[in-house]
Amino acid sequence: MRDHSQGVLIVNEHIDFVARKLSAKYSVFKAWEAIAPADQASVKALVVAGEAAFDRSIVSDFPNVRLIACLTSGYDGIDLAWAAGRGIDVTHAVGVNHDDVADHALGLMIAWERGLVEGNQAVLSGKWSAERKTLTRSMEELRIGIVGMGAIGKAIAARCVGFKLDVEWWGPHPKPDIDLRRRGTLTDLAAASDVLFVCSRAERANRHMISDEVQNALGPNGLLINVARGSLVDEDALILNLKSGRLGGAALDVFETEPTDPGRWRDVPNVILTPHTGGATLKAISKMITQLESNLDALFDGKELVTPVTLQ
């Protein structure tokens, strides 16, 4: 039965779909609708999309908030130090969609390297002829670089190894459990790669880590694939490098500003763009909601949170 003293606020309108499920157990409110003062006082948890910039001023209207629960695995939109200073815990989704993101990343690589998008357009436009045959690189000759070897990076690596590809990686810290060569620097990895997968967690310190220098190291025959966060890539440099041919191509599922302005990409060559759908599968969303509920249950039952984010 729903407990009216256990209030939950949905902060981001695009995750409104969780409200119906949570309403069976909690009093659920929406930040874009009017909320009475008594209901504001009942709110103990904020449910957010962790990758979206969190407006800290919202907490002033909800004095009893004790938890910011991220539906998603990312939590880069949350200032963890600020939350900790206010006695507010943060949770996020763990281990729910890394395989789906990896599948999407491999799909982008195959689509680019084998010319699937161009092939589809050729057939539909009537430009396919017996005399004109498009030749592409064989997958087995590709050298793969993976930036960040967390759950997504490991899942991509496993798939690439399954394709019998040469895989190397770079991250700020060695990982003895990773049986793949770690390059000394990110630029070294880019220079040694035909395809560079960006899989790192976004932090203030690594904004634009895929810099102009890294992009130029990847070079005119290289493909950049970003399935992590748009902030990791210097997008202005990326567009200039694609237009000039200093970078061969880019396949992006994430952007610096989302939704991205389509006009920004209209005259940019050699791109495949998808609308941040890498981890958006029915199975993953179901897992996210289940994990979200488990954290809310723990909060209201006075138990240990299931997937807390710790301040490093």
Protein backbone atom coordinates (compact mmCIF):
# COMPACT_ATOMS: atom_id res chain seq x y z
CA MET A 1 0.00 0.00 0.00
CA ARG A 2 1.22 3.49 -0.82
CA ASP A 3 2.64 5.43 2.11
CA HIS A 4 1.80 9.14 1.72
CA SER A 5 4.70 10.12 3.97
CA GLN A 6 7.13 8.57 1.49
CA GLY A 7 7.33 11.13 -1.27
CA VAL A 8 9.37 10.73 -4.44
CA LEU A 9 9.93 13.53 -6.95
CA ILE A 10 10.57 12.83 -10.64
CA VAL A 11 12.92 15.65 -11.68
CA ASN A 12 13.41 15.11 -15.43
CA GLU A 13 10.35 15.04 -17.64
CA HIS A 14 11.81 12.57 -20.13
CA ILE A 15 11.94 9.84 -17.43
CA ASP A 16 8.30 10.37 -16.50
CA PHE A 17 7.66 6.75 -17.55
CA VAL A 18 8.90 5.53 -14.15
CA ALA A 19 6.14 7.40 -12.32
CA ARG A 20 3.42 4.78 -12.90
CA LYS A 21 5.54 1.95 -11.54
CA LEU A 22 6.65 3.92 -8.46
CA SER A 23 3.14 5.22 -7.76
CA ALA A 24 2.05 1.77 -6.64
CA LYS A 25 4.30 2.11 -3.62
CA TYR A 26 5.09 5.78 -3.06
CA SER A 27 3.55 9.22 -3.38
CA VAL A 28 5.05 10.37 -6.66
CA PHE A 29 5.28 14.00 -7.72
CA LYS A 30 6.64 15.68 -10.83
CA ALA A 31 8.92 18.70 -10.79
CA TRP A 32 7.12 20.33 -13.74
CA GLU A 33 3.74 20.28 -11.95
CA ALA A 34 2.49 22.32 -8.99
CA ILE A 35 3.16 20.66 -5.62
CA ALA A 36 1.54 21.66 -2.33
CA PRO A 37 3.86 22.60 0.58
CA ALA A 38 2.74 19.57 2.61
CA ASP A 39 3.64 17.29 -0.28
CA GLN A 40 6.98 19.03 -0.72
CA ALA A 41 7.78 18.17 2.90
CA SER A 42 6.99 14.50 2.26
CA VAL A 43 9.55 14.17 -0.54
CA LYS A 44 12.57 12.19 0.64
CA ALA A 45 14.01 11.14 -2.72
CA LEU A 46 14.62 12.77 -6.08
CA VAL A 47 14.65 10.53 -9.14
CA VAL A 48 16.85 11.95 -11.89
CA ALA A 49 18.53 11.16 -15.18
CA GLY A 50 22.07 11.13 -13.90
CA GLU A 51 23.67 12.40 -17.09
CA ALA A 52 21.54 15.57 -17.10
CA ALA A 53 22.82 18.67 -15.31
CA PHE A 54 21.12 18.72 -11.91
CA ASP A 55 19.70 22.06 -10.78
CA ARG A 56 20.74 22.21 -7.13
CA SER A 57 18.22 24.97 -6.37
CA ILE A 58 15.39 22.43 -6.54
CA VAL A 59 16.46 21.07 -3.16
CA SER A 60 15.46 24.34 -1.47
CA ASP A 61 11.79 23.45 -2.07
CA PHE A 62 12.20 19.95 -0.65
CA PRO A 63 13.87 20.29 2.77
CA ASN A 64 13.69 16.59 3.69
CA VAL A 65 15.45 15.13 0.66
CA ARG A 66 17.89 12.40 1.67
CA LEU A 67 18.57 10.68 -1.64
CA ILE A 68 19.20 11.57 -5.27
CA ALA A 69 18.47 8.35 -7.14
CA CYS A 70 19.84 8.23 -10.70
CA LEU A 71 17.76 6.02 -12.95
CA THR A 72 20.75 5.69 -15.27
CA SER A 73 24.26 4.37 -14.72
CA GLY A 74 25.79 7.79 -15.32
CA TYR A 75 25.81 10.37 -12.55
CA ASP A 76 28.04 13.06 -14.07
CA GLY A 77 25.24 15.61 -13.81
CA ILE A 78 25.41 15.44 -10.00
CA ASP A 79 27.88 17.40 -7.87
CA LEU A 80 28.78 14.63 -5.44
CA ALA A 81 30.71 16.88 -3.07
CA TRP A 82 27.76 19.26 -2.83
CA ALA A 83 25.34 16.38 -2.18
CA ALA A 84 27.58 14.88 0.49
CA GLY A 85 27.87 18.26 2.16
CA ARG A 86 24.09 18.39 2.47
CA GLY A 87 23.85 14.84 3.80
CA ILE A 88 22.25 13.60 0.59
CA ASP A 89 23.19 10.18 -0.75
CA VAL A 90 23.42 9.41 -4.47
CA THR A 91 22.67 6.08 -6.13
CA HIS A 92 22.88 4.93 -9.74
CA ALA A 93 22.27 1.92 -11.95
CA VAL A 94 25.04 -0.67 -11.96
CA GLY A 95 25.58 -3.47 -14.46
CA VAL A 96 22.30 -2.94 -16.30
CA ASN A 97 23.14 -1.96 -19.88
CA HIS A 98 26.86 -2.28 -20.60
CA ASP A 99 26.27 -5.21 -22.95
CA ASP A 100 23.63 -3.26 -24.87
CA VAL A 101 25.96 -0.26 -25.21
CA ALA A 102 28.74 -2.56 -26.41
CA ASP A 103 26.42 -4.12 -29.00
CA HIS A 104 25.50 -0.64 -30.23
CA ALA A 105 29.16 0.35 -30.44
CA LEU A 106 30.04 -2.73 -32.49
CA GLY A 107 27.03 -2.04 -34.71
CA LEU A 108 28.36 1.46 -35.38
CA MET A 109 31.78 0.07 -36.24
CA ILE A 110 30.41 -2.52 -38.63
CA ALA A 111 28.03 -0.03 -40.24
CA TRP A 112 30.90 2.37 -40.86
CA GLU A 113 33.63 -0.03 -41.90
CA ARG A 114 31.39 -2.07 -44.23
CA GLY A 115 29.55 0.93 -45.66
CA LEU A 116 26.08 -0.23 -44.62
CA VAL A 117 24.55 3.26 -44.50
CA GLU A 118 25.94 4.19 -47.91
CA GLY A 119 24.89 0.83 -49.32
CA ASN A 120 21.34 1.31 -48.15
CA GLN A 121 21.26 4.78 -49.74
CA ALA A 122 22.71 3.44 -53.00
CA VAL A 123 20.00 0.80 -53.29
CA LEU A 124 17.17 3.19 -52.44
CA SER A 125 18.42 5.96 -54.74
CA GLY A 126 18.94 3.69 -57.73
CA LYS A 127 22.69 4.33 -57.82
CA TRP A 128 23.52 0.64 -57.45
CA SER A 129 24.84 -0.79 -60.69
CA ALA A 130 26.76 -3.87 -61.76
CA GLU A 131 29.64 -1.66 -62.89
CA ARG A 132 29.97 0.18 -59.57
CA LYS A 133 31.13 -1.91 -56.65
CA THR A 134 32.01 -0.36 -53.27
CA LEU A 135 35.05 -1.91 -51.62
CA THR A 136 35.54 -1.67 -47.85
CA ARG A 137 38.14 -2.74 -45.33
CA SER A 138 37.98 -6.26 -43.99
CA MET A 139 37.10 -6.31 -40.32
CA GLU A 140 39.98 -8.61 -39.46
CA GLU A 141 42.59 -6.01 -40.42
CA LEU A 142 41.35 -3.37 -37.96
CA ARG A 143 43.44 -2.30 -34.98
CA ILE A 144 41.16 -1.43 -32.06
CA GLY A 145 41.78 1.09 -29.28
CA ILE A 146 39.52 1.33 -26.25
CA VAL A 147 39.58 4.40 -24.00
CA GLY A 148 38.43 3.38 -20.53
CA MET A 149 38.23 -0.24 -19.44
CA GLY A 150 35.19 -0.28 -17.19
CA ALA A 151 32.15 -2.49 -17.78
CA ILE A 152 31.44 -1.05 -21.25
CA GLY A 153 35.08 -1.10 -22.32
CA LYS A 154 35.46 -4.72 -21.22
CA ALA A 155 32.27 -5.71 -23.05
CA ILE A 156 33.49 -4.04 -26.26
CA ALA A 157 36.91 -5.68 -25.89
CA ALA A 158 35.35 -9.13 -25.51
CA ARG A 159 33.31 -8.63 -28.67
CA CYS A 160 36.30 -7.36 -30.63
CA VAL A 161 38.43 -10.30 -29.48
CA GLY A 162 35.59 -12.52 -30.71
CA PHE A 163 36.03 -10.88 -34.11
CA LYS A 164 39.75 -11.81 -33.90
CA LEU A 165 40.78 -8.16 -33.81
CA ASP A 166 43.95 -6.71 -32.30
CA VAL A 167 42.80 -4.80 -29.20
CA GLU A 168 44.73 -2.31 -27.05
CA TRP A 169 43.53 0.15 -24.47
CA TRP A 170 44.35 3.16 -22.36
CA GLY A 171 43.06 4.40 -19.03
CA PRO A 172 44.53 6.56 -16.29
CA HIS A 173 45.24 3.55 -14.08
CA PRO A 174 46.72 0.11 -14.91
CA LYS A 175 44.40 -2.86 -14.42
CA PRO A 176 46.29 -6.10 -13.78
CA ASP A 177 43.19 -8.16 -14.54
CA ILE A 178 43.05 -6.87 -18.14
CA ASP A 179 45.01 -9.21 -20.41
CA LEU A 180 45.43 -6.64 -23.18
CA ARG A 181 48.24 -4.20 -23.93
CA ARG A 182 47.84 -0.80 -22.24
CA ARG A 183 49.41 2.06 -24.19
CA GLY A 184 51.42 4.66 -22.31
CA THR A 185 49.28 7.63 -23.36
CA LEU A 186 45.91 8.28 -24.96
CA THR A 187 47.62 9.88 -27.96
CA ASP A 188 49.81 6.79 -28.40
CA LEU A 189 46.70 4.62 -28.39
CA ALA A 190 44.98 6.80 -31.00
CA ALA A 191 48.04 6.74 -33.27
CA ALA A 192 48.14 2.93 -33.09
CA SER A 193 44.40 2.46 -33.78
CA ASP A 194 42.13 2.27 -36.81
CA VAL A 195 39.06 2.46 -34.58
CA LEU A 196 39.01 4.30 -31.25
CA PHE A 197 36.14 3.51 -28.87
CA VAL A 198 35.44 6.10 -26.15
CA CYS A 199 34.06 4.36 -23.05
CA SER A 200 35.31 6.43 -20.11
CA ARG A 201 33.17 7.81 -17.32
CA ALA A 202 32.79 11.58 -17.72
CA GLU A 203 34.33 13.76 -15.03
CA ARG A 204 35.32 17.41 -14.85
CA ALA A 205 38.98 16.41 -15.12
CA ASN A 206 38.59 14.54 -18.43
CA ARG A 207 36.41 17.00 -20.34
CA HIS A 208 37.55 17.09 -24.01
CA MET A 209 40.08 14.32 -23.40
CA ILE A 210 39.54 13.33 -27.05
CA SER A 211 41.27 16.54 -28.06
CA ASP A 212 42.36 17.91 -31.41
CA GLU A 213 45.73 16.24 -30.81
CA VAL A 214 44.15 12.84 -30.16
CA GLN A 215 41.87 13.16 -33.18
CA ASN A 216 44.78 14.01 -35.45
CA ALA A 217 46.73 11.06 -34.07
CA LEU A 218 43.84 8.79 -35.04
CA GLY A 219 44.18 10.30 -38.49
CA PRO A 220 42.54 10.45 -41.91
CA ASN A 221 41.82 6.72 -42.01
CA GLY A 222 40.68 6.45 -38.40
CA LEU A 223 37.17 6.10 -36.98
CA LEU A 224 36.16 7.62 -33.64
CA ILE A 225 33.22 5.95 -31.86
CA ASN A 226 31.77 7.61 -28.76
CA VAL A 227 29.22 5.71 -26.67
CA ALA A 228 30.19 7.30 -23.34
CA ARG A 229 29.50 11.04 -22.91
CA GLY A 230 29.65 13.91 -25.36
CA SER A 231 31.73 16.02 -22.98
CA LEU A 232 34.69 13.67 -23.47
CA VAL A 233 35.17 14.78 -27.08
CA ASP A 234 36.16 18.26 -28.27
CA GLU A 235 33.18 18.45 -30.62
CA ASP A 236 34.19 21.71 -32.33
CA ALA A 237 37.60 20.22 -33.17
CA LEU A 238 35.89 17.02 -34.31
CA ILE A 239 33.70 18.85 -36.81
CA LEU A 240 36.67 20.80 -38.19
CA ASN A 241 38.77 17.64 -38.48
CA LEU A 242 36.01 15.76 -40.28
CA LYS A 243 35.48 18.61 -42.72
CA SER A 244 39.20 18.93 -43.43
CA GLY A 245 39.78 15.18 -43.74
CA ARG A 246 42.27 15.08 -40.88
CA LEU A 247 39.96 12.53 -39.24
CA GLY A 248 38.46 9.75 -41.30
CA GLY A 249 35.07 9.39 -39.63
CA ALA A 250 33.01 9.51 -36.47
CA ALA A 251 30.14 7.40 -35.17
CA LEU A 252 28.49 9.15 -32.24
CA ASP A 253 25.70 8.10 -29.89
CA VAL A 254 26.34 10.99 -27.48
CA PHE A 255 26.87 14.73 -27.90
CA GLU A 256 28.05 17.74 -25.93
CA THR A 257 24.50 19.15 -25.94
CA GLU A 258 21.56 16.76 -26.10
CA PRO A 259 19.46 16.74 -28.16
CA THR A 260 22.12 17.99 -30.52
CA ASP A 261 21.25 20.66 -33.11
CA PRO A 262 20.82 18.83 -36.45
CA GLY A 263 22.03 21.91 -38.29
CA ARG A 264 25.40 21.50 -36.57
CA TRP A 265 25.95 18.24 -38.47
CA ARG A 266 24.17 18.88 -41.76
CA ASP A 267 27.30 19.60 -43.80
CA VAL A 268 29.69 17.41 -41.81
CA PRO A 269 30.95 14.46 -43.89
CA ASN A 270 31.65 10.91 -42.78
CA VAL A 271 29.46 10.66 -39.70
CA ILE A 272 26.92 8.18 -38.37
CA LEU A 273 24.78 9.71 -35.63
CA THR A 274 22.35 8.00 -33.26
CA PRO A 275 20.22 9.71 -30.56
CA HIS A 276 21.83 8.37 -27.35
CA THR A 277 20.12 5.01 -27.68
CA GLY A 278 23.08 2.71 -27.03
CA GLY A 279 21.80 1.52 -23.66
CA ALA A 280 18.12 2.08 -24.31
CA THR A 281 16.68 -1.40 -24.56
CA LEU A 282 13.51 -2.73 -22.98
CA LYS A 283 15.50 -5.18 -20.90
CA ALA A 284 17.93 -2.51 -19.66
CA ILE A 285 15.15 -0.06 -18.75
CA SER A 286 13.39 -2.80 -16.78
CA LYS A 287 16.62 -3.51 -14.88
CA MET A 288 17.12 0.20 -14.19
CA ILE A 289 13.65 0.60 -12.73
CA THR A 290 14.03 -2.52 -10.58
CA GLN A 291 17.35 -1.27 -9.22
CA LEU A 292 15.90 2.21 -8.66
CA GLU A 293 13.07 0.68 -6.64
CA SER A 294 15.51 -1.34 -4.56
CA ASN A 295 17.37 1.84 -3.59
CA LEU A 296 14.15 3.68 -2.75
CA ASP A 297 12.98 0.71 -0.66
CA ALA A 298 16.29 0.71 1.19
CA LEU A 299 15.99 4.43 1.90
CA PHE A 300 12.47 4.26 3.28
CA ASP A 301 13.12 1.04 5.21
CA GLY A 302 16.24 2.48 6.83
CA LYS A 303 18.52 -0.10 5.21
CA GLU A 304 21.84 0.16 3.40
CA LEU A 305 21.54 1.53 -0.12
CA VAL A 306 22.03 -1.06 -2.84
CA THR A 307 24.11 0.85 -5.41
CA PRO A 308 25.49 4.00 -3.76
CA VAL A 309 27.91 6.35 -5.48
CA THR A 310 30.91 7.09 -3.28
CA LEU A 311 32.77 10.39 -3.33
CA GLN A 312 36.32 9.73 -4.52
